[in-house]
């Protein structure tokens, strides 16, 4: 059995959304391939410390703020690697080549270098995911109010929307879904339909699977974006096995919509997402001010119902 090599890997991100890639130098396995910077974790070394050490050794920078993100497992011919990705958003110093490697800033919209190291390429799609997800609630507030609130949220930067309107009249729900999808597309955002694959495919939208449907699904639905709601490790494993794009995990805190469900709390949330392979949105009682706390505990971002549309949030 191959020994698993733990690697700390960094998504070093500037405020404009570009990130740093490095080219593997001559003499190394996969020379000429591009990858996210980082390196091997020493025995007993905490991942975060390995990340800071490697980035100082490779690029001469000092990490100030880094969020744990996703963990990717990949088997090469020469080794099995477990890559622990962190999103580094603040650092001291200007990156410089200390080991003779080329590096460049890249945009998630279009890479200008290649080929990518196979173990790193899977994270590129995940980088397109915004940090905030808004879940619609027209069935509670009314369609007109929901559409008005959504337009305001889009104007303030929301770019990821889940349409969850199972309690609306079907014809009204379909009409509402068309209007939301068109509005989100105008700002180059991502929209997902909750638990209706036919509607999702007819609109060219993504699909979100509630936990019960997730556990009964055998093959990933044929949509560009597919997510699921999860509450425990078994559901998280199922989403990963299906190759979904991301999950919502909760409730972190007790909510009025699920008053009978006690929140799992941040400690349990952090334990569940540790070393998980998919981006995770914290769900349940989330507001914009929870984003940093969620990311520090391994979340990709936060999913909000009322918090996404509340004017006081902006």
C-alpha atoms as a PDB file:
ATOM      1  CA  UNK A   1       0.000   0.000   0.000  1.00  0.00           C
ATOM      2  CA  UNK A   2       1.342   3.415  -0.983  1.00  0.00           C
ATOM      3  CA  UNK A   3       2.291   5.792   1.794  1.00  0.00           C
ATOM      4  CA  UNK A   4       0.118   8.907   1.805  1.00  0.00           C
ATOM      5  CA  UNK A   5       2.059  12.161   1.611  1.00  0.00           C
ATOM      6  CA  UNK A   6       0.354  15.128   3.269  1.00  0.00           C
ATOM      7  CA  UNK A   7       0.825  18.414   1.420  1.00  0.00           C
ATOM      8  CA  UNK A   8      -0.116  21.938   2.443  1.00  0.00           C
ATOM      9  CA  UNK A   9      -1.320  23.910  -0.598  1.00  0.00           C
ATOM     10  CA  UNK A  10      -2.185  27.588  -0.847  1.00  0.00           C
ATOM     11  CA  UNK A  11      -4.712  29.485  -2.914  1.00  0.00           C
ATOM     12  CA  UNK A  12      -3.027  32.878  -2.613  1.00  0.00           C
ATOM     13  CA  UNK A  13      -5.728  35.362  -3.609  1.00  0.00           C
ATOM     14  CA  UNK A  14      -5.554  39.070  -4.351  1.00  0.00           C
ATOM     15  CA  UNK A  15      -8.520  41.373  -3.830  1.00  0.00           C
ATOM     16  CA  UNK A  16      -9.286  41.325  -7.579  1.00  0.00           C
ATOM     17  CA  UNK A  17      -9.870  37.558  -7.428  1.00  0.00           C
ATOM     18  CA  UNK A  18      -6.665  36.495  -9.169  1.00  0.00           C
ATOM     19  CA  UNK A  19      -4.573  33.729  -7.608  1.00  0.00           C
ATOM     20  CA  UNK A  20      -0.969  32.562  -7.808  1.00  0.00           C
ATOM     21  CA  UNK A  21       0.227  29.500  -9.716  1.00  0.00           C
ATOM     22  CA  UNK A  22       3.774  28.144  -9.793  1.00  0.00           C
ATOM     23  CA  UNK A  23       5.549  26.042 -12.426  1.00  0.00           C
ATOM     24  CA  UNK A  24       7.392  22.944 -11.264  1.00  0.00           C
ATOM     25  CA  UNK A  25      11.093  23.464 -12.029  1.00  0.00           C
ATOM     26  CA  UNK A  26      13.373  21.144 -14.054  1.00  0.00           C
ATOM     27  CA  UNK A  27      14.467  18.034 -12.216  1.00  0.00           C
ATOM     28  CA  UNK A  28      11.224  17.539 -10.307  1.00  0.00           C
ATOM     29  CA  UNK A  29       8.496  15.008 -11.066  1.00  0.00           C
ATOM     30  CA  UNK A  30       6.006  16.581 -13.485  1.00  0.00           C
ATOM     31  CA  UNK A  31       8.451  19.344 -14.369  1.00  0.00           C
ATOM     32  CA  UNK A  32       6.810  22.080 -16.407  1.00  0.00           C
ATOM     33  CA  UNK A  33       3.376  21.471 -14.888  1.00  0.00           C
ATOM     34  CA  UNK A  34       1.644  24.253 -12.983  1.00  0.00           C
ATOM     35  CA  UNK A  35       0.312  23.976  -9.445  1.00  0.00           C
ATOM     36  CA  UNK A  36      -0.750  25.921  -6.401  1.00  0.00           C
ATOM     37  CA  UNK A  37       2.249  26.705  -4.185  1.00  0.00           C
ATOM     38  CA  UNK A  38       2.941  24.643  -1.077  1.00  0.00           C
ATOM     39  CA  UNK A  39       4.849  21.588  -0.003  1.00  0.00           C
ATOM     40  CA  UNK A  40       5.128  18.462   2.124  1.00  0.00           C
ATOM     41  CA  UNK A  41       4.063  18.458   5.739  1.00  0.00           C
ATOM     42  CA  UNK A  42       6.764  17.290   8.132  1.00  0.00           C
ATOM     43  CA  UNK A  43       5.949  14.521  10.668  1.00  0.00           C
ATOM     44  CA  UNK A  44       3.875  15.885  13.568  1.00  0.00           C
ATOM     45  CA  UNK A  45       3.822  19.345  11.953  1.00  0.00           C
ATOM     46  CA  UNK A  46       0.449  21.165  12.044  1.00  0.00           C
ATOM     47  CA  UNK A  47      -0.872  21.813   8.540  1.00  0.00           C
ATOM     48  CA  UNK A  48      -1.167  25.563   9.069  1.00  0.00           C
ATOM     49  CA  UNK A  49       2.467  25.758  10.206  1.00  0.00           C
ATOM     50  CA  UNK A  50       3.616  23.713   7.230  1.00  0.00           C
ATOM     51  CA  UNK A  51       1.767  26.095   4.937  1.00  0.00           C
ATOM     52  CA  UNK A  52       3.409  29.149   6.487  1.00  0.00           C
ATOM     53  CA  UNK A  53       6.854  27.535   6.353  1.00  0.00           C
ATOM     54  CA  UNK A  54       6.558  26.425   2.724  1.00  0.00           C
ATOM     55  CA  UNK A  55       5.306  29.798   1.490  1.00  0.00           C
ATOM     56  CA  UNK A  56       8.177  31.542   3.253  1.00  0.00           C
ATOM     57  CA  UNK A  57      10.718  29.102   1.812  1.00  0.00           C
ATOM     58  CA  UNK A  58       9.285  29.131  -1.728  1.00  0.00           C
ATOM     59  CA  UNK A  59       8.049  32.694  -2.141  1.00  0.00           C
ATOM     60  CA  UNK A  60       9.454  34.719   0.746  1.00  0.00           C
ATOM     61  CA  UNK A  61       6.072  35.785   2.103  1.00  0.00           C
ATOM     62  CA  UNK A  62       4.675  35.726   5.644  1.00  0.00           C
ATOM     63  CA  UNK A  63       1.099  34.446   5.966  1.00  0.00           C
ATOM     64  CA  UNK A  64      -1.218  36.686   7.965  1.00  0.00           C
ATOM     65  CA  UNK A  65      -4.716  35.315   7.208  1.00  0.00           C
ATOM     66  CA  UNK A  66      -5.358  31.828   5.819  1.00  0.00           C
ATOM     67  CA  UNK A  67      -8.623  29.878   5.922  1.00  0.00           C
ATOM     68  CA  UNK A  68      -8.683  26.042   5.835  1.00  0.00           C
ATOM     69  CA  UNK A  69     -10.682  25.018   2.779  1.00  0.00           C
ATOM     70  CA  UNK A  70     -10.922  21.606   1.082  1.00  0.00           C
ATOM     71  CA  UNK A  71      -8.784  18.463   1.120  1.00  0.00           C
ATOM     72  CA  UNK A  72      -8.102  16.618  -2.123  1.00  0.00           C
ATOM     73  CA  UNK A  73      -6.782  13.051  -2.358  1.00  0.00           C
ATOM     74  CA  UNK A  74      -4.955  11.969  -5.503  1.00  0.00           C
ATOM     75  CA  UNK A  75      -2.933   8.883  -6.446  1.00  0.00           C
ATOM     76  CA  UNK A  76       0.025   9.420  -8.777  1.00  0.00           C
ATOM     77  CA  UNK A  77       2.244   6.636 -10.112  1.00  0.00           C
ATOM     78  CA  UNK A  78       4.996   7.729  -7.743  1.00  0.00           C
ATOM     79  CA  UNK A  79       2.941   8.692  -4.683  1.00  0.00           C
ATOM     80  CA  UNK A  80      -0.473   9.126  -3.094  1.00  0.00           C
ATOM     81  CA  UNK A  81      -0.983  12.692  -1.922  1.00  0.00           C
ATOM     82  CA  UNK A  82      -3.471  14.363   0.386  1.00  0.00           C
ATOM     83  CA  UNK A  83      -3.563  18.077  -0.388  1.00  0.00           C
ATOM     84  CA  UNK A  84      -4.815  20.340   2.365  1.00  0.00           C
ATOM     85  CA  UNK A  85      -5.873  23.548   0.619  1.00  0.00           C
ATOM     86  CA  UNK A  86      -5.938  26.878   2.417  1.00  0.00           C
ATOM     87  CA  UNK A  87      -7.183  30.175   1.014  1.00  0.00           C
ATOM     88  CA  UNK A  88      -4.583  32.817   1.842  1.00  0.00           C
ATOM     89  CA  UNK A  89      -6.095  36.293   1.635  1.00  0.00           C
ATOM     90  CA  UNK A  90      -3.488  38.393   3.450  1.00  0.00           C
ATOM     91  CA  UNK A  91       0.282  38.180   3.654  1.00  0.00           C
ATOM     92  CA  UNK A  92       3.379  40.317   4.097  1.00  0.00           C
ATOM     93  CA  UNK A  93       5.972  40.734   1.368  1.00  0.00           C
ATOM     94  CA  UNK A  94       5.920  40.380  -2.395  1.00  0.00           C
ATOM     95  CA  UNK A  95       6.134  36.830  -3.781  1.00  0.00           C
ATOM     96  CA  UNK A  96       9.528  36.089  -5.307  1.00  0.00           C
ATOM     97  CA  UNK A  97      11.062  32.955  -6.779  1.00  0.00           C
ATOM     98  CA  UNK A  98      13.344  31.438  -4.129  1.00  0.00           C
ATOM     99  CA  UNK A  99      13.615  27.974  -5.691  1.00  0.00           C
ATOM    100  CA  UNK A 100      13.977  28.925  -9.350  1.00  0.00           C
ATOM    101  CA  UNK A 101      10.347  28.318 -10.219  1.00  0.00           C
ATOM    102  CA  UNK A 102       8.288  30.514 -12.516  1.00  0.00           C
ATOM    103  CA  UNK A 103       5.057  31.894 -11.115  1.00  0.00           C
ATOM    104  CA  UNK A 104       2.225  34.097 -12.336  1.00  0.00           C
ATOM    105  CA  UNK A 105      -1.134  35.516 -11.283  1.00  0.00           C
ATOM    106  CA  UNK A 106      -4.105  33.892 -12.955  1.00  0.00           C
ATOM    107  CA  UNK A 107      -7.831  34.559 -13.309  1.00  0.00           C
ATOM    108  CA  UNK A 108     -10.432  31.895 -12.572  1.00  0.00           C
ATOM    109  CA  UNK A 109     -12.279  32.945 -15.736  1.00  0.00           C
ATOM    110  CA  UNK A 110      -9.428  31.813 -18.001  1.00  0.00           C
ATOM    111  CA  UNK A 111      -6.042  30.261 -17.336  1.00  0.00           C
ATOM    112  CA  UNK A 112      -3.174  31.370 -19.583  1.00  0.00           C
ATOM    113  CA  UNK A 113      -0.714  28.698 -18.389  1.00  0.00           C
ATOM    114  CA  UNK A 114      -0.703  24.934 -18.427  1.00  0.00           C
ATOM    115  CA  UNK A 115      -0.839  22.038 -18.103  1.00  0.00           C
ATOM    116  CA  UNK A 116      -2.102  21.931 -14.531  1.00  0.00           C
ATOM    117  CA  UNK A 117      -0.837  19.263 -12.176  1.00  0.00           C
ATOM    118  CA  UNK A 118      -3.677  16.675 -12.077  1.00  0.00           C
ATOM    119  CA  UNK A 119      -4.132  16.827  -8.304  1.00  0.00           C
ATOM    120  CA  UNK A 120      -4.647  20.583  -8.440  1.00  0.00           C
ATOM    121  CA  UNK A 121      -7.020  20.927 -11.372  1.00  0.00           C
ATOM    122  CA  UNK A 122     -10.123  19.769  -9.460  1.00  0.00           C
ATOM    123  CA  UNK A 123     -10.143  22.876  -7.265  1.00  0.00           C
ATOM    124  CA  UNK A 124     -10.407  25.322 -10.169  1.00  0.00           C
ATOM    125  CA  UNK A 125     -14.165  24.897 -10.553  1.00  0.00           C
ATOM    126  CA  UNK A 126     -14.685  25.333  -6.822  1.00  0.00           C
ATOM    127  CA  UNK A 127     -12.963  28.717  -7.002  1.00  0.00           C
ATOM    128  CA  UNK A 128     -15.899  29.979  -9.064  1.00  0.00           C
ATOM    129  CA  UNK A 129     -18.215  29.573  -6.074  1.00  0.00           C
ATOM    130  CA  UNK A 130     -19.089  32.839  -4.297  1.00  0.00           C
ATOM    131  CA  UNK A 131     -18.773  32.954  -0.509  1.00  0.00           C
ATOM    132  CA  UNK A 132     -22.438  33.814   0.143  1.00  0.00           C
ATOM    133  CA  UNK A 133     -25.461  31.784  -0.938  1.00  0.00           C
ATOM    134  CA  UNK A 134     -28.999  33.168  -0.789  1.00  0.00           C
ATOM    135  CA  UNK A 135     -31.987  30.817  -0.419  1.00  0.00           C
ATOM    136  CA  UNK A 136     -35.279  32.217  -1.670  1.00  0.00           C
ATOM    137  CA  UNK A 137     -38.385  32.328   0.538  1.00  0.00           C
ATOM    138  CA  UNK A 138     -41.135  33.713  -1.712  1.00  0.00           C
ATOM    139  CA  UNK A 139     -43.557  31.225  -0.152  1.00  0.00           C
ATOM    140  CA  UNK A 140     -43.198  33.195   3.091  1.00  0.00           C
ATOM    141  CA  UNK A 141     -42.854  36.823   1.972  1.00  0.00           C
ATOM    142  CA  UNK A 142     -44.648  36.793  -1.379  1.00  0.00           C
ATOM    143  CA  UNK A 143     -43.275  36.640  -4.910  1.00  0.00           C
ATOM    144  CA  UNK A 144     -43.225  40.385  -5.537  1.00  0.00           C
ATOM    145  CA  UNK A 145     -41.363  41.129  -2.302  1.00  0.00           C
ATOM    146  CA  UNK A 146     -38.952  38.225  -2.917  1.00  0.00           C
ATOM    147  CA  UNK A 147     -38.096  39.465  -6.416  1.00  0.00           C
ATOM    148  CA  UNK A 148     -37.532  43.009  -5.188  1.00  0.00           C
ATOM    149  CA  UNK A 149     -35.272  41.811  -2.373  1.00  0.00           C
ATOM    150  CA  UNK A 150     -33.350  39.582  -4.766  1.00  0.00           C
ATOM    151  CA  UNK A 151     -32.688  42.447  -7.185  1.00  0.00           C
ATOM    152  CA  UNK A 152     -31.346  44.500  -4.293  1.00  0.00           C
ATOM    153  CA  UNK A 153     -29.136  41.632  -3.123  1.00  0.00           C
ATOM    154  CA  UNK A 154     -27.774  41.101  -6.636  1.00  0.00           C
ATOM    155  CA  UNK A 155     -27.018  44.805  -6.887  1.00  0.00           C
ATOM    156  CA  UNK A 156     -25.013  44.466  -3.663  1.00  0.00           C
ATOM    157  CA  UNK A 157     -22.950  41.546  -4.947  1.00  0.00           C
ATOM    158  CA  UNK A 158     -24.864  38.326  -4.273  1.00  0.00           C
ATOM    159  CA  UNK A 159     -23.972  35.833  -7.014  1.00  0.00           C
ATOM    160  CA  UNK A 160     -25.218  32.434  -5.808  1.00  0.00           C
ATOM    161  CA  UNK A 161     -28.938  31.715  -5.374  1.00  0.00           C
ATOM    162  CA  UNK A 162     -30.891  28.576  -4.499  1.00  0.00           C
ATOM    163  CA  UNK A 163     -34.579  28.595  -5.429  1.00  0.00           C
ATOM    164  CA  UNK A 164     -36.397  26.663  -2.687  1.00  0.00           C
ATOM    165  CA  UNK A 165     -40.114  27.154  -3.291  1.00  0.00           C
ATOM    166  CA  UNK A 166     -41.767  23.759  -2.876  1.00  0.00           C
ATOM    167  CA  UNK A 167     -44.734  25.352  -1.080  1.00  0.00           C
ATOM    168  CA  UNK A 168     -45.624  27.691  -3.959  1.00  0.00           C
ATOM    169  CA  UNK A 169     -48.288  26.806  -6.497  1.00  0.00           C
ATOM    170  CA  UNK A 170     -46.408  24.908  -9.270  1.00  0.00           C
ATOM    171  CA  UNK A 171     -47.237  27.408 -12.037  1.00  0.00           C
ATOM    172  CA  UNK A 172     -46.266  30.348  -9.846  1.00  0.00           C
ATOM    173  CA  UNK A 173     -43.096  28.547  -8.769  1.00  0.00           C
ATOM    174  CA  UNK A 174     -42.077  27.933 -12.359  1.00  0.00           C
ATOM    175  CA  UNK A 175     -42.691  31.557 -13.316  1.00  0.00           C
ATOM    176  CA  UNK A 176     -40.765  32.762 -10.261  1.00  0.00           C
ATOM    177  CA  UNK A 177     -37.877  30.402 -11.116  1.00  0.00           C
ATOM    178  CA  UNK A 178     -37.670  31.789 -14.650  1.00  0.00           C
ATOM    179  CA  UNK A 179     -37.523  35.364 -13.352  1.00  0.00           C
ATOM    180  CA  UNK A 180     -34.872  34.563 -10.754  1.00  0.00           C
ATOM    181  CA  UNK A 181     -32.755  32.584 -13.216  1.00  0.00           C
ATOM    182  CA  UNK A 182     -32.823  35.403 -15.767  1.00  0.00           C
ATOM    183  CA  UNK A 183     -31.881  37.993 -13.141  1.00  0.00           C
ATOM    184  CA  UNK A 184     -28.984  35.957 -11.750  1.00  0.00           C
ATOM    185  CA  UNK A 185     -27.640  35.201 -15.215  1.00  0.00           C
ATOM    186  CA  UNK A 186     -27.549  38.907 -16.068  1.00  0.00           C
ATOM    187  CA  UNK A 187     -24.919  39.366 -13.362  1.00  0.00           C
ATOM    188  CA  UNK A 188     -23.047  36.149 -14.316  1.00  0.00           C
ATOM    189  CA  UNK A 189     -24.156  34.408 -11.143  1.00  0.00           C
ATOM    190  CA  UNK A 190     -25.066  30.796 -10.381  1.00  0.00           C
ATOM    191  CA  UNK A 191     -28.619  29.624  -9.676  1.00  0.00           C
ATOM    192  CA  UNK A 192     -29.801  26.216  -8.465  1.00  0.00           C
ATOM    193  CA  UNK A 193     -33.321  24.753  -8.328  1.00  0.00           C
ATOM    194  CA  UNK A 194     -34.272  22.805  -5.244  1.00  0.00           C
ATOM    195  CA  UNK A 195     -35.346  19.189  -5.842  1.00  0.00           C
ATOM    196  CA  UNK A 196     -36.714  19.542  -9.397  1.00  0.00           C
ATOM    197  CA  UNK A 197     -34.318  18.165 -11.983  1.00  0.00           C
ATOM    198  CA  UNK A 198     -36.745  18.676 -14.876  1.00  0.00           C
ATOM    199  CA  UNK A 199     -37.183  22.366 -14.087  1.00  0.00           C
ATOM    200  CA  UNK A 200     -33.463  22.789 -13.523  1.00  0.00           C
ATOM    201  CA  UNK A 201     -32.595  21.218 -16.868  1.00  0.00           C
ATOM    202  CA  UNK A 202     -35.293  23.152 -18.724  1.00  0.00           C
ATOM    203  CA  UNK A 203     -33.840  26.418 -17.391  1.00  0.00           C
ATOM    204  CA  UNK A 204     -30.221  25.341 -17.767  1.00  0.00           C
ATOM    205  CA  UNK A 205     -29.828  25.883 -14.034  1.00  0.00           C
ATOM    206  CA  UNK A 206     -28.073  23.871 -11.362  1.00  0.00           C
ATOM    207  CA  UNK A 207     -29.808  21.416  -9.021  1.00  0.00           C
ATOM    208  CA  UNK A 208     -29.907  21.224  -5.226  1.00  0.00           C
ATOM    209  CA  UNK A 209     -30.748  17.933  -3.519  1.00  0.00           C
ATOM    210  CA  UNK A 210     -32.390  17.849  -0.072  1.00  0.00           C
ATOM    211  CA  UNK A 211     -30.756  15.256   2.199  1.00  0.00           C
ATOM    212  CA  UNK A 212     -33.440  12.615   1.670  1.00  0.00           C
ATOM    213  CA  UNK A 213     -33.136  12.817  -2.121  1.00  0.00           C
ATOM    214  CA  UNK A 214     -29.349  12.874  -1.822  1.00  0.00           C
ATOM    215  CA  UNK A 215     -29.271   9.534  -0.024  1.00  0.00           C
ATOM    216  CA  UNK A 216     -31.510   7.951  -2.667  1.00  0.00           C
ATOM    217  CA  UNK A 217     -29.492   9.231  -5.634  1.00  0.00           C
ATOM    218  CA  UNK A 218     -27.247   6.710  -7.393  1.00  0.00           C
ATOM    219  CA  UNK A 219     -25.698   8.871 -10.127  1.00  0.00           C
ATOM    220  CA  UNK A 220     -24.865  12.563 -10.186  1.00  0.00           C
ATOM    221  CA  UNK A 221     -27.563  14.469 -12.109  1.00  0.00           C
ATOM    222  CA  UNK A 222     -26.400  15.806 -15.489  1.00  0.00           C
ATOM    223  CA  UNK A 223     -26.263  19.500 -14.605  1.00  0.00           C
ATOM    224  CA  UNK A 224     -23.351  21.944 -14.479  1.00  0.00           C
ATOM    225  CA  UNK A 225     -23.732  22.650 -10.761  1.00  0.00           C
ATOM    226  CA  UNK A 226     -25.134  20.201  -8.250  1.00  0.00           C
ATOM    227  CA  UNK A 227     -25.263  20.635  -4.476  1.00  0.00           C
ATOM    228  CA  UNK A 228     -26.935  18.955  -1.524  1.00  0.00           C
ATOM    229  CA  UNK A 229     -28.089  19.545   2.037  1.00  0.00           C
ATOM    230  CA  UNK A 230     -26.236  17.512   4.661  1.00  0.00           C
ATOM    231  CA  UNK A 231     -26.587  17.058   8.416  1.00  0.00           C
ATOM    232  CA  UNK A 232     -24.091  14.301   9.261  1.00  0.00           C
ATOM    233  CA  UNK A 233     -21.007  12.432   8.084  1.00  0.00           C
ATOM    234  CA  UNK A 234     -22.966   9.787   6.139  1.00  0.00           C
ATOM    235  CA  UNK A 235     -24.635  12.452   4.009  1.00  0.00           C
ATOM    236  CA  UNK A 236     -21.340  14.278   3.512  1.00  0.00           C
ATOM    237  CA  UNK A 237     -19.737  11.030   2.329  1.00  0.00           C
ATOM    238  CA  UNK A 238     -22.626  10.398  -0.086  1.00  0.00           C
ATOM    239  CA  UNK A 239     -22.277  13.859  -1.638  1.00  0.00           C
ATOM    240  CA  UNK A 240     -18.558  13.332  -2.081  1.00  0.00           C
ATOM    241  CA  UNK A 241     -19.030   9.860  -3.599  1.00  0.00           C
ATOM    242  CA  UNK A 242     -21.499  11.298  -6.144  1.00  0.00           C
ATOM    243  CA  UNK A 243     -19.007  13.960  -7.158  1.00  0.00           C
ATOM    244  CA  UNK A 244     -21.247  16.899  -6.265  1.00  0.00           C
ATOM    245  CA  UNK A 245     -19.855  20.420  -6.428  1.00  0.00           C
ATOM    246  CA  UNK A 246     -20.598  21.626  -2.909  1.00  0.00           C
ATOM    247  CA  UNK A 247     -22.809  21.023   0.115  1.00  0.00           C
ATOM    248  CA  UNK A 248     -24.790  22.951   2.710  1.00  0.00           C
ATOM    249  CA  UNK A 249     -24.169  21.658   6.243  1.00  0.00           C
ATOM    250  CA  UNK A 250     -26.356  22.488   9.201  1.00  0.00           C
ATOM    251  CA  UNK A 251     -28.175  23.674  11.049  1.00  0.00           C
ATOM    252  CA  UNK A 252     -25.225  25.244  12.832  1.00  0.00           C
ATOM    253  CA  UNK A 253     -27.599  27.228  15.034  1.00  0.00           C
ATOM    254  CA  UNK A 254     -31.282  26.686  15.771  1.00  0.00           C
ATOM    255  CA  UNK A 255     -33.579  28.504  13.342  1.00  0.00           C
ATOM    256  CA  UNK A 256     -37.237  29.507  13.311  1.00  0.00           C
ATOM    257  CA  UNK A 257     -37.878  27.438  10.162  1.00  0.00           C
ATOM    258  CA  UNK A 258     -36.582  24.301  11.925  1.00  0.00           C
ATOM    259  CA  UNK A 259     -37.363  25.112  15.553  1.00  0.00           C
ATOM    260  CA  UNK A 260     -37.452  21.401  16.447  1.00  0.00           C
ATOM    261  CA  UNK A 261     -33.859  20.842  15.294  1.00  0.00           C
ATOM    262  CA  UNK A 262     -31.095  21.791  17.708  1.00  0.00           C
ATOM    263  CA  UNK A 263     -28.086  23.416  16.094  1.00  0.00           C
ATOM    264  CA  UNK A 264     -24.923  21.313  15.851  1.00  0.00           C
ATOM    265  CA  UNK A 265     -22.719  24.221  16.957  1.00  0.00           C
ATOM    266  CA  UNK A 266     -19.422  25.356  15.500  1.00  0.00           C
ATOM    267  CA  UNK A 267     -17.343  22.680  17.244  1.00  0.00           C
ATOM    268  CA  UNK A 268     -19.273  19.840  15.607  1.00  0.00           C
ATOM    269  CA  UNK A 269     -19.374  21.682  12.293  1.00  0.00           C
ATOM    270  CA  UNK A 270     -15.598  22.053  12.305  1.00  0.00           C
ATOM    271  CA  UNK A 271     -15.115  18.376  13.162  1.00  0.00           C
ATOM    272  CA  UNK A 272     -17.385  17.258  10.296  1.00  0.00           C
ATOM    273  CA  UNK A 273     -15.714  19.390   7.612  1.00  0.00           C
ATOM    274  CA  UNK A 274     -12.126  18.676   8.617  1.00  0.00           C
ATOM    275  CA  UNK A 275     -10.307  17.043   5.675  1.00  0.00           C
ATOM    276  CA  UNK A 276     -13.531  17.059   3.604  1.00  0.00           C
ATOM    277  CA  UNK A 277     -13.206  17.128  -0.174  1.00  0.00           C
ATOM    278  CA  UNK A 278     -16.067  19.457  -1.190  1.00  0.00           C
ATOM    279  CA  UNK A 279     -16.666  23.148  -0.441  1.00  0.00           C
ATOM    280  CA  UNK A 280     -19.082  23.473   2.488  1.00  0.00           C
ATOM    281  CA  UNK A 281     -21.526  26.301   3.176  1.00  0.00           C
ATOM    282  CA  UNK A 282     -22.526  26.715   6.823  1.00  0.00           C
ATOM    283  CA  UNK A 283     -26.331  26.787   7.103  1.00  0.00           C
ATOM    284  CA  UNK A 284     -28.667  27.691   9.940  1.00  0.00           C
ATOM    285  CA  UNK A 285     -28.969  31.090  11.585  1.00  0.00           C
ATOM    286  CA  UNK A 286     -26.268  32.578   9.370  1.00  0.00           C
ATOM    287  CA  UNK A 287     -25.812  36.319   8.851  1.00  0.00           C
ATOM    288  CA  UNK A 288     -23.108  38.185   6.975  1.00  0.00           C
ATOM    289  CA  UNK A 289     -21.179  38.729  10.201  1.00  0.00           C
ATOM    290  CA  UNK A 290     -20.797  34.933  10.556  1.00  0.00           C
ATOM    291  CA  UNK A 291     -18.718  34.593   7.383  1.00  0.00           C
ATOM    292  CA  UNK A 292     -15.289  34.962   8.978  1.00  0.00           C
ATOM    293  CA  UNK A 293     -16.129  32.578  11.835  1.00  0.00           C
ATOM    294  CA  UNK A 294     -17.394  30.008   9.347  1.00  0.00           C
ATOM    295  CA  UNK A 295     -14.287  30.208   7.162  1.00  0.00           C
ATOM    296  CA  UNK A 296     -11.959  29.913  10.145  1.00  0.00           C
ATOM    297  CA  UNK A 297     -13.673  26.594  10.901  1.00  0.00           C
ATOM    298  CA  UNK A 298     -13.239  25.204   7.392  1.00  0.00           C
ATOM    299  CA  UNK A 299     -16.371  26.445   5.629  1.00  0.00           C
ATOM    300  CA  UNK A 300     -16.203  27.745   2.085  1.00  0.00           C
ATOM    301  CA  UNK A 301     -18.871  30.289   2.969  1.00  0.00           C
ATOM    302  CA  UNK A 302     -22.337  30.760   4.428  1.00  0.00           C
ATOM    303  CA  UNK A 303     -25.856  29.959   3.190  1.00  0.00           C
ATOM    304  CA  UNK A 304     -28.604  32.334   4.289  1.00  0.00           C
ATOM    305  CA  UNK A 305     -32.383  32.407   4.095  1.00  0.00           C
ATOM    306  CA  UNK A 306     -33.586  35.639   5.690  1.00  0.00           C
ATOM    307  CA  UNK A 307     -30.060  36.950   6.104  1.00  0.00           C
ATOM    308  CA  UNK A 308     -29.511  37.084   2.346  1.00  0.00           C
ATOM    309  CA  UNK A 309     -32.474  39.369   1.720  1.00  0.00           C
ATOM    310  CA  UNK A 310     -32.582  41.487   4.876  1.00  0.00           C
ATOM    311  CA  UNK A 311     -31.831  45.091   3.921  1.00  0.00           C
ATOM    312  CA  UNK A 312     -30.155  45.644   7.284  1.00  0.00           C
ATOM    313  CA  UNK A 313     -27.470  43.186   6.224  1.00  0.00           C
ATOM    314  CA  UNK A 314     -26.223  45.645   3.637  1.00  0.00           C
END
